[in-house]
Amino acid sequence: MFSSYPYAYSYTTYSMPLYSYFLPILALIVIIAGGLALYFLFVRKPNHYQGAAAKLHDALTFRTFYTEKLLRALYCITVVAILVSSVVLLFSNFFGALLVFISGNLIARIVYEFALLLLVLCRNAQEINRKMGPLPEEPAAPQAPPQGTVPPSQPQAAQPGAVPPQPPQSHTAPQNNVPPQTPIPPRQEPPQPPQQ
């Protein structure tokens, strides 16, 4: 029964060429090296380019947002797709078509408005930062004395020509330099002659 079968099966081994092993690794190395070279040679530097290079620099450093235009175009495509699908559904189910048209447009509007809202907030924050300029540097905080120093407990012998140590001053509010006032004695009346 098996001998009359016209085809004979044979096992062949398939070997992949040698370059198919190294080509993905080489492509990965070229991708990483090219990306790093583009970043360090072009994107990291300030934009002093002109023409198309300046636009490319702005696109690579995300100074220009293309997502807003893309989202507006995708919203228009989504609205037309909802309209066409509701017209197609109109011939089989009127209420289903009406539901798809109303709810589809409402959901699409909410989703795209939320996405555009995030982009507009980011763009407005960039414009505010650009108008304000760099922030002024904060003043340096006063340095505390090192913790390890302990004042001497016994006074040292005075050396000739050395200035004697001053006692520590308390940090109180400054007072006006007004001399102390002497009490004023009560006013005395001159003696009156006796009346007759």
Protein backbone atom coordinates (compact mmCIF):
# COMPACT_ATOMS: atom_id res chain seq x y z
CA MET A 1 0.00 0.00 0.00
CA PHE A 2 2.81 2.46 0.92
CA SER A 3 5.03 1.36 -1.92
CA SER A 4 2.62 2.67 -4.54
CA TYR A 5 2.78 6.21 -3.12
CA PRO A 6 4.47 8.33 -5.82
CA TYR A 7 6.26 10.86 -3.59
CA ALA A 8 9.12 10.11 -1.31
CA TYR A 9 9.79 12.29 1.74
CA SER A 10 13.29 13.39 2.46
CA TYR A 11 14.58 15.58 5.26
CA THR A 12 16.67 18.54 4.25
CA THR A 13 18.54 20.74 6.65
CA TYR A 14 18.17 24.43 6.15
CA SER A 15 21.07 26.55 7.28
CA MET A 16 20.82 30.32 7.61
CA PRO A 17 23.58 32.35 6.04
CA LEU A 18 26.21 33.73 8.36
CA TYR A 19 25.32 37.38 7.72
CA SER A 20 21.78 36.86 9.01
CA TYR A 21 23.20 36.45 12.52
CA PHE A 22 25.39 39.52 12.42
CA LEU A 23 23.09 41.86 10.47
CA PRO A 24 20.65 42.60 13.37
CA ILE A 25 23.56 43.20 15.76
CA LEU A 26 25.26 45.49 13.24
CA ALA A 27 21.99 47.36 12.65
CA LEU A 28 21.51 47.84 16.40
CA ILE A 29 25.05 49.22 16.79
CA VAL A 30 24.53 51.63 13.86
CA ILE A 31 21.18 52.78 15.31
CA ILE A 32 22.62 53.48 18.76
CA ALA A 33 25.76 55.18 17.43
CA GLY A 34 23.79 57.29 14.96
CA GLY A 35 21.30 58.39 17.62
CA LEU A 36 24.04 59.35 20.06
CA ALA A 37 25.98 61.20 17.35
CA LEU A 38 22.84 63.12 16.35
CA TYR A 39 22.21 64.05 19.96
CA PHE A 40 25.74 65.15 20.88
CA LEU A 41 26.61 66.88 17.59
CA PHE A 42 23.30 68.49 16.69
CA VAL A 43 20.60 68.47 19.38
CA ARG A 44 22.67 69.26 22.46
CA LYS A 45 24.09 72.46 20.97
CA PRO A 46 22.07 75.70 20.97
CA ASN A 47 20.12 76.55 17.85
CA HIS A 48 22.46 78.74 15.80
CA TYR A 49 21.45 77.07 12.56
CA GLN A 50 19.53 78.63 9.68
CA GLY A 51 16.81 77.41 7.34
CA ALA A 52 15.95 73.72 7.27
CA ALA A 53 18.63 72.85 9.84
CA ALA A 54 17.01 75.26 12.33
CA LYS A 55 13.60 73.65 11.77
CA LEU A 56 15.14 70.21 12.18
CA HIS A 57 16.84 71.33 15.40
CA ASP A 58 13.54 72.69 16.75
CA ALA A 59 11.77 69.44 15.84
CA LEU A 60 14.43 67.25 17.48
CA THR A 61 14.52 69.36 20.67
CA PHE A 62 10.69 69.49 20.84
CA ARG A 63 10.50 73.26 20.56
CA THR A 64 7.96 72.79 17.79
CA PHE A 65 5.03 70.48 18.45
CA TYR A 66 3.58 68.66 15.47
CA THR A 67 1.25 66.53 17.58
CA GLU A 68 -1.34 69.30 17.80
CA LYS A 69 -1.72 69.45 14.01
CA LEU A 70 -1.71 65.66 13.83
CA LEU A 71 -4.45 65.42 16.47
CA ARG A 72 -6.62 67.94 14.62
CA ALA A 73 -6.27 65.95 11.39
CA LEU A 74 -7.01 62.68 13.19
CA TYR A 75 -10.10 64.23 14.78
CA CYS A 76 -11.44 65.23 11.36
CA ILE A 77 -10.79 61.71 10.03
CA THR A 78 -12.53 60.21 13.08
CA VAL A 79 -15.61 62.42 12.62
CA VAL A 80 -15.91 61.41 8.95
CA ALA A 81 -15.47 57.73 9.88
CA ILE A 82 -18.24 58.00 12.49
CA LEU A 83 -20.51 59.72 9.96
CA VAL A 84 -19.91 57.09 7.27
CA SER A 85 -20.40 54.18 9.67
CA SER A 86 -23.63 55.68 11.00
CA VAL A 87 -24.95 56.17 7.42
CA VAL A 88 -24.10 52.54 6.59
CA LEU A 89 -25.79 51.41 9.81
CA LEU A 90 -28.82 53.58 9.00
CA PHE A 91 -30.11 51.07 6.42
CA SER A 92 -30.20 48.22 8.94
CA ASN A 93 -30.84 49.88 12.32
CA PHE A 94 -32.04 53.47 12.56
CA PHE A 95 -31.67 53.84 16.35
CA GLY A 96 -28.28 52.15 16.32
CA ALA A 97 -27.09 54.57 13.63
CA LEU A 98 -28.38 57.52 15.62
CA LEU A 99 -26.67 56.21 18.77
CA VAL A 100 -23.35 55.66 16.93
CA PHE A 101 -23.49 59.14 15.40
CA ILE A 102 -24.25 61.00 18.65
CA SER A 103 -22.17 58.97 21.13
CA GLY A 104 -19.26 58.48 18.71
CA ASN A 105 -18.91 62.21 18.06
CA LEU A 106 -19.25 63.00 21.75
CA ILE A 107 -16.61 60.48 22.83
CA ALA A 108 -14.23 61.51 20.03
CA ARG A 109 -14.61 65.17 20.97
CA ILE A 110 -13.87 64.52 24.66
CA VAL A 111 -10.82 62.35 23.93
CA TYR A 112 -9.27 64.76 21.42
CA GLU A 113 -10.05 67.83 23.54
CA PHE A 114 -8.31 66.24 26.52
CA ALA A 115 -5.25 65.42 24.42
CA LEU A 116 -5.16 68.94 22.94
CA LEU A 117 -5.63 70.46 26.38
CA LEU A 118 -2.43 68.82 27.60
CA LEU A 119 -0.51 70.07 24.56
CA VAL A 120 -1.87 73.63 24.87
CA LEU A 121 -0.95 73.73 28.58
CA CYS A 122 2.59 72.61 27.76
CA ARG A 123 2.93 75.19 24.99
CA ASN A 124 1.61 78.01 27.21
CA ALA A 125 4.02 77.04 30.00
CA GLN A 126 6.91 77.19 27.50
CA GLU A 127 5.83 80.65 26.33
CA ILE A 128 5.60 81.90 29.91
CA ASN A 129 9.09 80.54 30.68
CA ARG A 130 10.47 82.13 27.52
CA LYS A 131 8.98 85.55 28.43
CA MET A 132 10.14 85.44 32.06
CA GLY A 133 13.71 84.52 31.23
CA PRO A 134 16.08 82.75 33.60
CA LEU A 135 15.31 82.88 37.31
CA PRO A 136 17.66 84.92 39.53
CA GLU A 137 20.04 82.94 41.67
CA GLU A 138 19.06 82.50 45.29
CA PRO A 139 21.40 84.01 47.91
CA ALA A 140 23.62 81.52 49.62
CA ALA A 141 22.53 80.42 53.09
CA PRO A 142 24.77 81.51 55.97
CA GLN A 143 27.28 78.86 56.93
CA ALA A 144 27.01 77.38 60.43
CA PRO A 145 30.22 76.98 62.43
CA PRO A 146 31.68 73.50 62.45
CA GLN A 147 30.14 71.22 65.05
CA GLY A 148 33.43 69.79 66.31
CA THR A 149 34.87 73.02 67.80
CA VAL A 150 34.47 73.54 71.52
CA PRO A 151 35.38 76.87 73.19
CA PRO A 152 38.16 76.63 75.80
CA SER A 153 36.89 76.38 79.39
CA GLN A 154 39.83 78.12 81.08
CA PRO A 155 41.17 81.51 80.09
CA GLN A 156 44.61 81.49 78.62
CA ALA A 157 47.43 83.59 79.94
CA ALA A 158 47.52 87.05 78.46
CA GLN A 159 50.32 87.65 76.07
CA PRO A 160 51.94 91.03 75.80
CA GLY A 161 50.35 93.08 73.05
CA ALA A 162 47.40 90.69 72.69
CA VAL A 163 43.88 91.98 72.72
CA PRO A 164 41.90 90.67 75.69
CA PRO A 165 38.94 88.47 74.71
CA GLN A 166 35.59 90.16 74.68
CA PRO A 167 32.66 88.62 76.52
CA PRO A 168 29.99 87.19 74.23
CA GLN A 169 27.26 89.61 73.36
CA SER A 170 23.64 88.65 73.57
CA HIS A 171 21.59 88.93 70.42
CA THR A 172 18.86 91.24 71.63
CA ALA A 173 17.03 93.93 69.77
CA PRO A 174 19.01 97.17 69.54
CA GLN A 175 17.88 99.87 71.94
CA ASN A 176 17.94 103.59 71.38
CA ASN A 177 20.92 105.33 72.94
CA VAL A 178 18.91 107.57 75.26
CA PRO A 179 20.55 108.59 78.51
CA PRO A 180 18.63 107.56 81.60
CA GLN A 181 16.28 110.25 82.82
CA THR A 182 16.46 111.57 86.34
CA PRO A 183 13.15 111.72 88.16
CA ILE A 184 11.53 115.12 88.17
CA PRO A 185 10.64 116.32 91.67
CA PRO A 186 7.02 117.39 92.22
CA ARG A 187 6.23 121.03 91.63
CA GLN A 188 6.19 123.09 94.77
CA GLU A 189 3.90 126.07 95.20
CA PRO A 190 5.41 129.24 96.63
CA PRO A 191 4.23 129.91 100.22
CA GLN A 192 1.26 132.18 100.41
CA PRO A 193 0.99 135.00 102.89
CA PRO A 194 -1.54 134.39 105.66
CA GLN A 195 -4.90 135.99 105.08
CA GLN A 196 -6.44 138.28 107.64
